[in-house]
């Protein structure tokens, strides 16, 4: 139960920080998916936030959001789900969709 609460709390903080809106406005991704330890509710103060962004790879400044969230943010880019490793694809399928839709 504690992991679920932790997961929901950080997900709300991610939305409230404006991070998802910022990524949508700058990159226009098909979808944004939260995965990794944050998705599982197993993160610590030193954990990073792993986001899959289905879009063309681009540079985007996330420093403001890293300060707000007190976590480093890692973006993983790929436009085509078919190019992903099986392991990463499974992580994404079990991730939390924060924006858009998944088209495989």
PDB file of N, CA and C in Angstrom:
ATOM      1  N   UNK A   1       0.818  -1.190   0.000  1.00  0.00           N
ATOM      2  CA  UNK A   1       0.000   0.000   0.000  1.00  0.00           C
ATOM      3  C   UNK A   1       0.868   1.263   0.000  1.00  0.00           C
ATOM      4  N   UNK A   2       1.981   1.201   0.745  1.00  0.00           N
ATOM      5  CA  UNK A   2       2.880   2.351   0.828  1.00  0.00           C
ATOM      6  C   UNK A   2       3.465   2.690  -0.539  1.00  0.00           C
ATOM      7  N   UNK A   3       3.833   1.667  -1.322  1.00  0.00           N
ATOM      8  CA  UNK A   3       4.406   1.893  -2.654  1.00  0.00           C
ATOM      9  C   UNK A   3       3.401   2.587  -3.567  1.00  0.00           C
ATOM     10  N   UNK A   4       2.141   2.194  -3.473  1.00  0.00           N
ATOM     11  CA  UNK A   4       1.100   2.811  -4.301  1.00  0.00           C
ATOM     12  C   UNK A   4       0.960   4.284  -3.939  1.00  0.00           C
ATOM     13  N   UNK A   5       0.961   4.585  -2.652  1.00  0.00           N
ATOM     14  CA  UNK A   5       0.864   5.981  -2.207  1.00  0.00           C
ATOM     15  C   UNK A   5       2.061   6.792  -2.709  1.00  0.00           C
ATOM     16  N   UNK A   6       3.252   6.226  -2.591  1.00  0.00           N
ATOM     17  CA  UNK A   6       4.472   6.892  -3.057  1.00  0.00           C
ATOM     18  C   UNK A   6       4.397   7.171  -4.557  1.00  0.00           C
ATOM     19  N   UNK A   7       3.950   6.170  -5.301  1.00  0.00           N
ATOM     20  CA  UNK A   7       3.821   6.279  -6.755  1.00  0.00           C
ATOM     21  C   UNK A   7       2.826   7.382  -7.125  1.00  0.00           C
ATOM     22  N   UNK A   8       1.687   7.411  -6.483  1.00  0.00           N
ATOM     23  CA  UNK A   8       0.672   8.417  -6.784  1.00  0.00           C
ATOM     24  C   UNK A   8       1.136   9.813  -6.398  1.00  0.00           C
ATOM     25  N   UNK A   9       1.839   9.928  -5.279  1.00  0.00           N
ATOM     26  CA  UNK A   9       2.336  11.224  -4.822  1.00  0.00           C
ATOM     27  C   UNK A   9       3.320  11.819  -5.818  1.00  0.00           C
ATOM     28  N   UNK A  10       4.296  11.041  -6.267  1.00  0.00           N
ATOM     29  CA  UNK A  10       5.283  11.575  -7.211  1.00  0.00           C
ATOM     30  C   UNK A  10       4.648  11.857  -8.568  1.00  0.00           C
ATOM     31  N   UNK A  11       3.683  11.043  -8.980  1.00  0.00           N
ATOM     32  CA  UNK A  11       3.002  11.285 -10.252  1.00  0.00           C
ATOM     33  C   UNK A  11       2.272  12.623 -10.205  1.00  0.00           C
ATOM     34  N   UNK A  12       1.585  12.916  -9.119  1.00  0.00           N
ATOM     35  CA  UNK A  12       0.913  14.212  -8.968  1.00  0.00           C
ATOM     36  C   UNK A  12       1.919  15.356  -8.960  1.00  0.00           C
ATOM     37  N   UNK A  13       3.051  15.166  -8.296  1.00  0.00           N
ATOM     38  CA  UNK A  13       4.089  16.202  -8.268  1.00  0.00           C
ATOM     39  C   UNK A  13       4.628  16.466  -9.670  1.00  0.00           C
ATOM     40  N   UNK A  14       4.778  15.416 -10.460  1.00  0.00           N
ATOM     41  CA  UNK A  14       5.261  15.577 -11.838  1.00  0.00           C
ATOM     42  C   UNK A  14       4.279  16.431 -12.629  1.00  0.00           C
ATOM     43  N   UNK A  15       2.994  16.125 -12.534  1.00  0.00           N
ATOM     44  CA  UNK A  15       1.978  16.930 -13.229  1.00  0.00           C
ATOM     45  C   UNK A  15       1.961  18.365 -12.713  1.00  0.00           C
ATOM     46  N   UNK A  16       1.945  18.534 -11.386  1.00  0.00           N
ATOM     47  CA  UNK A  16       1.862  19.866 -10.787  1.00  0.00           C
ATOM     48  C   UNK A  16       3.076  20.736 -11.097  1.00  0.00           C
ATOM     49  N   UNK A  17       4.219  20.120 -11.354  1.00  0.00           N
ATOM     50  CA  UNK A  17       5.440  20.879 -11.646  1.00  0.00           C
ATOM     51  C   UNK A  17       5.382  21.569 -13.005  1.00  0.00           C
ATOM     52  N   UNK A  18       4.508  21.097 -13.891  1.00  0.00           N
ATOM     53  CA  UNK A  18       4.445  21.638 -15.251  1.00  0.00           C
ATOM     54  C   UNK A  18       5.349  20.904 -16.225  1.00  0.00           C
ATOM     55  N   UNK A  19       6.037  19.874 -15.761  1.00  0.00           N
ATOM     56  CA  UNK A  19       6.980  19.134 -16.602  1.00  0.00           C
ATOM     57  C   UNK A  19       6.309  18.534 -17.836  1.00  0.00           C
ATOM     58  N   UNK A  20       5.174  17.889 -17.652  1.00  0.00           N
ATOM     59  CA  UNK A  20       4.510  17.231 -18.779  1.00  0.00           C
ATOM     60  C   UNK A  20       4.072  18.261 -19.811  1.00  0.00           C
ATOM     61  N   UNK A  21       3.501  19.379 -19.369  1.00  0.00           N
ATOM     62  CA  UNK A  21       3.113  20.452 -20.299  1.00  0.00           C
ATOM     63  C   UNK A  21       4.328  20.978 -21.057  1.00  0.00           C
ATOM     64  N   UNK A  22       5.438  21.137 -20.353  1.00  0.00           N
ATOM     65  CA  UNK A  22       6.673  21.636 -20.979  1.00  0.00           C
ATOM     66  C   UNK A  22       7.151  20.681 -22.077  1.00  0.00           C
ATOM     67  N   UNK A  23       7.185  19.394 -21.775  1.00  0.00           N
ATOM     68  CA  UNK A  23       7.617  18.402 -22.769  1.00  0.00           C
ATOM     69  C   UNK A  23       6.659  18.392 -23.956  1.00  0.00           C
ATOM     70  N   UNK A  24       5.360  18.443 -23.684  1.00  0.00           N
ATOM     71  CA  UNK A  24       4.367  18.447 -24.771  1.00  0.00           C
ATOM     72  C   UNK A  24       4.542  19.663 -25.672  1.00  0.00           C
ATOM     73  N   UNK A  25       4.737  20.830 -25.081  1.00  0.00           N
ATOM     74  CA  UNK A  25       4.869  22.061 -25.866  1.00  0.00           C
ATOM     75  C   UNK A  25       6.158  22.122 -26.676  1.00  0.00           C
ATOM     76  N   UNK A  26       7.232  21.564 -26.144  1.00  0.00           N
ATOM     77  CA  UNK A  26       8.529  21.633 -26.822  1.00  0.00           C
ATOM     78  C   UNK A  26       8.749  20.500 -27.824  1.00  0.00           C
ATOM     79  N   UNK A  27       8.250  19.305 -27.512  1.00  0.00           N
ATOM     80  CA  UNK A  27       8.592  18.124 -28.315  1.00  0.00           C
ATOM     81  C   UNK A  27       7.423  17.526 -29.092  1.00  0.00           C
ATOM     82  N   UNK A  28       6.195  17.847 -28.721  1.00  0.00           N
ATOM     83  CA  UNK A  28       4.990  17.311 -29.376  1.00  0.00           C
ATOM     84  C   UNK A  28       5.048  15.784 -29.502  1.00  0.00           C
ATOM     85  N   UNK A  29       5.236  15.085 -28.380  1.00  0.00           N
ATOM     86  CA  UNK A  29       5.353  13.621 -28.441  1.00  0.00           C
ATOM     87  C   UNK A  29       4.009  12.943 -28.655  1.00  0.00           C
ATOM     88  N   UNK A  30       4.066  11.744 -29.190  1.00  0.00           N
ATOM     89  CA  UNK A  30       2.857  10.926 -29.308  1.00  0.00           C
ATOM     90  C   UNK A  30       2.424  10.468 -27.914  1.00  0.00           C
ATOM     91  N   UNK A  31       3.403  10.123 -27.054  1.00  0.00           N
ATOM     92  CA  UNK A  31       3.070   9.749 -25.677  1.00  0.00           C
ATOM     93  C   UNK A  31       4.268   9.991 -24.763  1.00  0.00           C
ATOM     94  N   UNK A  32       3.973  10.083 -23.473  1.00  0.00           N
ATOM     95  CA  UNK A  32       4.986  10.191 -22.424  1.00  0.00           C
ATOM     96  C   UNK A  32       4.639   9.125 -21.387  1.00  0.00           C
ATOM     97  N   UNK A  33       5.616   8.284 -21.056  1.00  0.00           N
ATOM     98  CA  UNK A  33       5.375   7.183 -20.123  1.00  0.00           C
ATOM     99  C   UNK A  33       6.398   7.236 -18.989  1.00  0.00           C
ATOM    100  N   UNK A  34       5.910   7.152 -17.769  1.00  0.00           N
ATOM    101  CA  UNK A  34       6.750   7.070 -16.583  1.00  0.00           C
ATOM    102  C   UNK A  34       7.076   5.602 -16.323  1.00  0.00           C
ATOM    103  N   UNK A  35       8.364   5.298 -16.140  1.00  0.00           N
ATOM    104  CA  UNK A  35       8.756   3.917 -15.848  1.00  0.00           C
ATOM    105  C   UNK A  35       9.921   3.913 -14.870  1.00  0.00           C
ATOM    106  N   UNK A  36      10.401   2.744 -14.523  1.00  0.00           N
ATOM    107  CA  UNK A  36      11.529   2.642 -13.605  1.00  0.00           C
ATOM    108  C   UNK A  36      11.093   2.636 -12.149  1.00  0.00           C
ATOM    109  N   UNK A  37      12.026   2.978 -11.264  1.00  0.00           N
ATOM    110  CA  UNK A  37      11.775   2.885  -9.819  1.00  0.00           C
ATOM    111  C   UNK A  37      10.669   3.826  -9.353  1.00  0.00           C
ATOM    112  N   UNK A  38      10.531   4.978  -9.998  1.00  0.00           N
ATOM    113  CA  UNK A  38       9.468   5.909  -9.612  1.00  0.00           C
ATOM    114  C   UNK A  38       8.103   5.296  -9.911  1.00  0.00           C
ATOM    115  N   UNK A  39       7.968   4.671 -11.065  1.00  0.00           N
ATOM    116  CA  UNK A  39       6.706   4.020 -11.435  1.00  0.00           C
ATOM    117  C   UNK A  39       6.352   2.910 -10.451  1.00  0.00           C
ATOM    118  N   UNK A  40       7.362   2.222  -9.964  1.00  0.00           N
ATOM    119  CA  UNK A  40       7.133   1.104  -9.043  1.00  0.00           C
ATOM    120  C   UNK A  40       6.904   1.561  -7.600  1.00  0.00           C
ATOM    121  N   UNK A  41       7.134   2.851  -7.339  1.00  0.00           N
ATOM    122  CA  UNK A  41       7.024   3.338  -5.966  1.00  0.00           C
ATOM    123  C   UNK A  41       8.199   2.916  -5.114  1.00  0.00           C
ATOM    124  N   UNK A  42       9.325   2.592  -5.752  1.00  0.00           N
ATOM    125  CA  UNK A  42      10.518   2.102  -5.052  1.00  0.00           C
ATOM    126  C   UNK A  42      11.669   3.106  -5.090  1.00  0.00           C
ATOM    127  N   UNK A  43      11.369   4.343  -5.391  1.00  0.00           N
ATOM    128  CA  UNK A  43      12.422   5.342  -5.543  1.00  0.00           C
ATOM    129  C   UNK A  43      12.891   5.873  -4.185  1.00  0.00           C
ATOM    130  N   UNK A  44      14.099   6.458  -4.206  1.00  0.00           N
ATOM    131  CA  UNK A  44      14.677   7.107  -3.031  1.00  0.00           C
ATOM    132  C   UNK A  44      14.986   8.550  -3.405  1.00  0.00           C
ATOM    133  N   UNK A  45      15.556   9.293  -2.472  1.00  0.00           N
ATOM    134  CA  UNK A  45      15.933  10.684  -2.747  1.00  0.00           C
ATOM    135  C   UNK A  45      16.956  10.773  -3.876  1.00  0.00           C
ATOM    136  N   UNK A  46      17.741   9.723  -4.062  1.00  0.00           N
ATOM    137  CA  UNK A  46      18.793   9.728  -5.082  1.00  0.00           C
ATOM    138  C   UNK A  46      18.327   9.177  -6.427  1.00  0.00           C
ATOM    139  N   UNK A  47      17.115   8.656  -6.485  1.00  0.00           N
ATOM    140  CA  UNK A  47      16.599   8.075  -7.735  1.00  0.00           C
ATOM    141  C   UNK A  47      16.308   9.164  -8.755  1.00  0.00           C
ATOM    142  N   UNK A  48      16.393   8.777 -10.011  1.00  0.00           N
ATOM    143  CA  UNK A  48      16.016   9.704 -11.068  1.00  0.00           C
ATOM    144  C   UNK A  48      14.613   9.355 -11.561  1.00  0.00           C
ATOM    145  N   UNK A  49      14.035  10.286 -12.310  1.00  0.00           N
ATOM    146  CA  UNK A  49      12.716  10.082 -12.902  1.00  0.00           C
ATOM    147  C   UNK A  49      12.942   9.686 -14.354  1.00  0.00           C
ATOM    148  N   UNK A  50      12.520   8.480 -14.722  1.00  0.00           N
ATOM    149  CA  UNK A  50      12.687   7.973 -16.085  1.00  0.00           C
ATOM    150  C   UNK A  50      11.399   8.172 -16.862  1.00  0.00           C
ATOM    151  N   UNK A  51      11.500   8.930 -17.958  1.00  0.00           N
ATOM    152  CA  UNK A  51      10.352   9.176 -18.821  1.00  0.00           C
ATOM    153  C   UNK A  51      10.681   8.742 -20.237  1.00  0.00           C
ATOM    154  N   UNK A  52       9.806   7.961 -20.818  1.00  0.00           N
ATOM    155  CA  UNK A  52       9.909   7.615 -22.231  1.00  0.00           C
ATOM    156  C   UNK A  52       9.103   8.646 -22.994  1.00  0.00           C
ATOM    157  N   UNK A  53       9.707   9.213 -24.034  1.00  0.00           N
ATOM    158  CA  UNK A  53       9.052  10.224 -24.857  1.00  0.00           C
ATOM    159  C   UNK A  53       9.039   9.704 -26.288  1.00  0.00           C
ATOM    160  N   UNK A  54       7.853   9.429 -26.814  1.00  0.00           N
ATOM    161  CA  UNK A  54       7.758   8.932 -28.189  1.00  0.00           C
ATOM    162  C   UNK A  54       7.772  10.138 -29.122  1.00  0.00           C
ATOM    163  N   UNK A  55       8.990  10.533 -29.482  1.00  0.00           N
ATOM    164  CA  UNK A  55       9.213  11.706 -30.330  1.00  0.00           C
ATOM    165  C   UNK A  55      10.641  11.665 -30.850  1.00  0.00           C
ATOM    166  N   UNK A  56      10.935  12.574 -31.752  1.00  0.00           N
ATOM    167  CA  UNK A  56      12.291  12.753 -32.254  1.00  0.00           C
ATOM    168  C   UNK A  56      13.165  13.245 -31.105  1.00  0.00           C
ATOM    169  N   UNK A  57      14.382  12.744 -30.993  1.00  0.00           N
ATOM    170  CA  UNK A  57      15.302  13.183 -29.948  1.00  0.00           C
ATOM    171  C   UNK A  57      15.621  14.661 -30.125  1.00  0.00           C
ATOM    172  N   UNK A  58      15.494  15.406 -29.044  1.00  0.00           N
ATOM    173  CA  UNK A  58      15.813  16.834 -29.061  1.00  0.00           C
ATOM    174  C   UNK A  58      16.395  17.218 -27.711  1.00  0.00           C
ATOM    175  N   UNK A  59      17.127  18.311 -27.721  1.00  0.00           N
ATOM    176  CA  UNK A  59      17.621  18.868 -26.469  1.00  0.00           C
ATOM    177  C   UNK A  59      16.484  19.656 -25.832  1.00  0.00           C
ATOM    178  N   UNK A  60      16.321  19.495 -24.558  1.00  0.00           N
ATOM    179  CA  UNK A  60      15.287  20.224 -23.827  1.00  0.00           C
ATOM    180  C   UNK A  60      15.823  20.494 -22.428  1.00  0.00           C
ATOM    181  N   UNK A  61      15.669  21.712 -21.971  1.00  0.00           N
ATOM    182  CA  UNK A  61      16.181  22.096 -20.662  1.00  0.00           C
ATOM    183  C   UNK A  61      15.173  21.695 -19.583  1.00  0.00           C
ATOM    184  N   UNK A  62      15.613  20.835 -18.684  1.00  0.00           N
ATOM    185  CA  UNK A  62      14.738  20.337 -17.619  1.00  0.00           C
ATOM    186  C   UNK A  62      15.204  20.770 -16.233  1.00  0.00           C
ATOM    187  N   UNK A  63      16.206  21.633 -16.187  1.00  0.00           N
ATOM    188  CA  UNK A  63      16.807  22.036 -14.914  1.00  0.00           C
ATOM    189  C   UNK A  63      15.769  22.592 -13.932  1.00  0.00           C
ATOM    190  N   UNK A  64      14.882  23.430 -14.425  1.00  0.00           N
ATOM    191  CA  UNK A  64      13.834  24.028 -13.586  1.00  0.00           C
ATOM    192  C   UNK A  64      12.980  22.941 -12.920  1.00  0.00           C
ATOM    193  N   UNK A  65      12.659  21.908 -13.679  1.00  0.00           N
ATOM    194  CA  UNK A  65      11.795  20.834 -13.180  1.00  0.00           C
ATOM    195  C   UNK A  65      12.556  19.881 -12.263  1.00  0.00           C
ATOM    196  N   UNK A  66      13.841  19.703 -12.534  1.00  0.00           N
ATOM    197  CA  UNK A  66      14.665  18.884 -11.643  1.00  0.00           C
ATOM    198  C   UNK A  66      14.765  19.542 -10.267  1.00  0.00           C
ATOM    199  N   UNK A  67      14.864  20.866 -10.246  1.00  0.00           N
ATOM    200  CA  UNK A  67      14.907  21.577  -8.964  1.00  0.00           C
ATOM    201  C   UNK A  67      13.571  21.474  -8.242  1.00  0.00           C
ATOM    202  N   UNK A  68      12.480  21.647  -8.981  1.00  0.00           N
ATOM    203  CA  UNK A  68      11.148  21.555  -8.369  1.00  0.00           C
ATOM    204  C   UNK A  68      10.891  20.167  -7.790  1.00  0.00           C
ATOM    205  N   UNK A  69      11.264  19.141  -8.545  1.00  0.00           N
ATOM    206  CA  UNK A  69      10.969  17.761  -8.154  1.00  0.00           C
ATOM    207  C   UNK A  69      12.047  17.139  -7.268  1.00  0.00           C
ATOM    208  N   UNK A  70      13.210  17.802  -7.210  1.00  0.00           N
ATOM    209  CA  UNK A  70      14.348  17.321  -6.417  1.00  0.00           C
ATOM    210  C   UNK A  70      14.820  15.940  -6.858  1.00  0.00           C
ATOM    211  N   UNK A  71      14.714  15.700  -8.163  1.00  0.00           N
ATOM    212  CA  UNK A  71      15.188  14.455  -8.777  1.00  0.00           C
ATOM    213  C   UNK A  71      15.728  14.792 -10.161  1.00  0.00           C
ATOM    214  N   UNK A  72      16.770  14.101 -10.581  1.00  0.00           N
ATOM    215  CA  UNK A  72      17.253  14.208 -11.955  1.00  0.00           C
ATOM    216  C   UNK A  72      16.203  13.562 -12.858  1.00  0.00           C
ATOM    217  N   UNK A  73      16.049  14.107 -14.057  1.00  0.00           N
ATOM    218  CA  UNK A  73      15.067  13.582 -15.008  1.00  0.00           C
ATOM    219  C   UNK A  73      15.809  13.030 -16.214  1.00  0.00           C
ATOM    220  N   UNK A  74      15.552  11.764 -16.535  1.00  0.00           N
ATOM    221  CA  UNK A  74      16.126  11.127 -17.722  1.00  0.00           C
ATOM    222  C   UNK A  74      15.023  10.921 -18.746  1.00  0.00           C
ATOM    223  N   UNK A  75      15.250  11.442 -19.941  1.00  0.00           N
ATOM    224  CA  UNK A  75      14.310  11.236 -21.037  1.00  0.00           C
ATOM    225  C   UNK A  75      14.879  10.194 -21.984  1.00  0.00           C
ATOM    226  N   UNK A  76      14.064   9.241 -22.374  1.00  0.00           N
ATOM    227  CA  UNK A  76      14.429   8.214 -23.344  1.00  0.00           C
ATOM    228  C   UNK A  76      13.559   8.437 -24.571  1.00  0.00           C
ATOM    229  N   UNK A  77      14.197   8.614 -25.723  1.00  0.00           N
ATOM    230  CA  UNK A  77      13.481   8.943 -26.951  1.00  0.00           C
ATOM    231  C   UNK A  77      13.475   7.783 -27.937  1.00  0.00           C
ATOM    232  N   UNK A  78      12.374   7.601 -28.605  1.00  0.00           N
ATOM    233  CA  UNK A  78      12.266   6.706 -29.759  1.00  0.00           C
ATOM    234  C   UNK A  78      10.910   6.969 -30.394  1.00  0.00           C
ATOM    235  N   UNK A  79      10.896   7.124 -31.696  1.00  0.00           N
ATOM    236  CA  UNK A  79       9.627   7.346 -32.400  1.00  0.00           C
ATOM    237  C   UNK A  79       8.916   6.037 -32.698  1.00  0.00           C
ATOM    238  N   UNK A  80       9.690   4.966 -32.882  1.00  0.00           N
ATOM    239  CA  UNK A  80       9.130   3.696 -33.333  1.00  0.00           C
ATOM    240  C   UNK A  80       9.261   2.632 -32.242  1.00  0.00           C
ATOM    241  N   UNK A  81       8.140   2.180 -31.702  1.00  0.00           N
ATOM    242  CA  UNK A  81       8.154   1.154 -30.655  1.00  0.00           C
ATOM    243  C   UNK A  81       8.832  -0.130 -31.129  1.00  0.00           C
ATOM    244  N   UNK A  82       8.800  -0.409 -32.417  1.00  0.00           N
ATOM    245  CA  UNK A  82       9.391  -1.642 -32.954  1.00  0.00           C
ATOM    246  C   UNK A  82      10.913  -1.665 -32.824  1.00  0.00           C
ATOM    247  N   UNK A  83      11.523  -0.509 -32.595  1.00  0.00           N
ATOM    248  CA  UNK A  83      12.977  -0.433 -32.461  1.00  0.00           C
ATOM    249  C   UNK A  83      13.438  -0.618 -31.013  1.00  0.00           C
ATOM    250  N   UNK A  84      12.505  -0.726 -30.090  1.00  0.00           N
ATOM    251  CA  UNK A  84      12.851  -0.859 -28.676  1.00  0.00           C
ATOM    252  C   UNK A  84      13.208  -2.298 -28.329  1.00  0.00           C
ATOM    253  N   UNK A  85      14.079  -2.455 -27.349  1.00  0.00           N
ATOM    254  CA  UNK A  85      14.395  -3.801 -26.867  1.00  0.00           C
ATOM    255  C   UNK A  85      13.152  -4.374 -26.186  1.00  0.00           C
ATOM    256  N   UNK A  86      13.086  -5.686 -26.128  1.00  0.00           N
ATOM    257  CA  UNK A  86      11.941  -6.355 -25.503  1.00  0.00           C
ATOM    258  C   UNK A  86      11.813  -5.929 -24.040  1.00  0.00           C
ATOM    259  N   UNK A  87      12.942  -5.839 -23.348  1.00  0.00           N
ATOM    260  CA  UNK A  87      12.942  -5.465 -21.931  1.00  0.00           C
ATOM    261  C   UNK A  87      12.379  -4.057 -21.723  1.00  0.00           C
ATOM    262  N   UNK A  88      12.843  -3.093 -22.532  1.00  0.00           N
ATOM    263  CA  UNK A  88      12.345  -1.724 -22.397  1.00  0.00           C
ATOM    264  C   UNK A  88      10.867  -1.654 -22.758  1.00  0.00           C
ATOM    265  N   UNK A  89      10.472  -2.349 -23.802  1.00  0.00           N
ATOM    266  CA  UNK A  89       9.069  -2.354 -24.210  1.00  0.00           C
ATOM    267  C   UNK A  89       8.180  -2.890 -23.084  1.00  0.00           C
ATOM    268  N   UNK A  90       8.607  -3.945 -22.417  1.00  0.00           N
ATOM    269  CA  UNK A  90       7.839  -4.490 -21.288  1.00  0.00           C
ATOM    270  C   UNK A  90       7.741  -3.479 -20.149  1.00  0.00           C
ATOM    271  N   UNK A  91       8.839  -2.766 -19.885  1.00  0.00           N
ATOM    272  CA  UNK A  91       8.819  -1.722 -18.857  1.00  0.00           C
ATOM    273  C   UNK A  91       7.829  -0.621 -19.208  1.00  0.00           C
ATOM    274  N   UNK A  92       7.783  -0.253 -20.480  1.00  0.00           N
ATOM    275  CA  UNK A  92       6.882   0.817 -20.908  1.00  0.00           C
ATOM    276  C   UNK A  92       5.425   0.379 -20.853  1.00  0.00           C
ATOM    277  N   UNK A  93       5.166  -0.852 -21.265  1.00  0.00           N
ATOM    278  CA  UNK A  93       3.797  -1.373 -21.217  1.00  0.00           C
ATOM    279  C   UNK A  93       3.289  -1.376 -19.778  1.00  0.00           C
ATOM    280  N   UNK A  94       4.179  -1.634 -18.827  1.00  0.00           N
ATOM    281  CA  UNK A  94       3.808  -1.635 -17.413  1.00  0.00           C
ATOM    282  C   UNK A  94       3.981  -0.268 -16.754  1.00  0.00           C
ATOM    283  N   UNK A  95       4.361   0.724 -17.535  1.00  0.00           N
ATOM    284  CA  UNK A  95       4.554   2.067 -17.012  1.00  0.00           C
ATOM    285  C   UNK A  95       3.245   2.827 -16.858  1.00  0.00           C
ATOM    286  N   UNK A  96       3.379   4.092 -16.478  1.00  0.00           N
ATOM    287  CA  UNK A  96       2.216   4.963 -16.308  1.00  0.00           C
ATOM    288  C   UNK A  96       2.199   5.954 -17.462  1.00  0.00           C
ATOM    289  N   UNK A  97       1.148   5.921 -18.247  1.00  0.00           N
ATOM    290  CA  UNK A  97       1.013   6.848 -19.373  1.00  0.00           C
ATOM    291  C   UNK A  97       0.614   8.206 -18.810  1.00  0.00           C
ATOM    292  N   UNK A  98       1.484   9.192 -19.010  1.00  0.00           N
ATOM    293  CA  UNK A  98       1.238  10.530 -18.489  1.00  0.00           C
ATOM    294  C   UNK A  98       0.624  11.451 -19.531  1.00  0.00           C
ATOM    295  N   UNK A  99       0.775  11.079 -20.798  1.00  0.00           N
ATOM    296  CA  UNK A  99       0.271  11.932 -21.870  1.00  0.00           C
ATOM    297  C   UNK A  99       0.146  11.125 -23.148  1.00  0.00           C
ATOM    298  N   UNK A 100      -0.827  11.488 -23.966  1.00  0.00           N
ATOM    299  CA  UNK A 100      -0.955  10.905 -25.293  1.00  0.00           C
ATOM    300  C   UNK A 100      -1.493   9.493 -25.284  1.00  0.00           C
ATOM    301  N   UNK A 101      -1.114   8.768 -26.327  1.00  0.00           N
ATOM    302  CA  UNK A 101      -1.583   7.394 -26.482  1.00  0.00           C
ATOM    303  C   UNK A 101      -0.454   6.538 -27.020  1.00  0.00           C
ATOM    304  N   UNK A 102      -0.546   5.253 -26.748  1.00  0.00           N
ATOM    305  CA  UNK A 102       0.462   4.299 -27.194  1.00  0.00           C
ATOM    306  C   UNK A 102      -0.061   3.615 -28.443  1.00  0.00           C
ATOM    307  N   UNK A 103       0.740   3.664 -29.484  1.00  0.00           N
ATOM    308  CA  UNK A 103       0.376   3.001 -30.735  1.00  0.00           C
ATOM    309  C   UNK A 103       1.524   2.077 -31.110  1.00  0.00           C
ATOM    310  N   UNK A 104       1.265   0.782 -31.061  1.00  0.00           N
ATOM    311  CA  UNK A 104       2.317  -0.208 -31.336  1.00  0.00           C
ATOM    312  C   UNK A 104       2.087  -0.827 -32.694  1.00  0.00           C
TER     313      UNK A 104
END
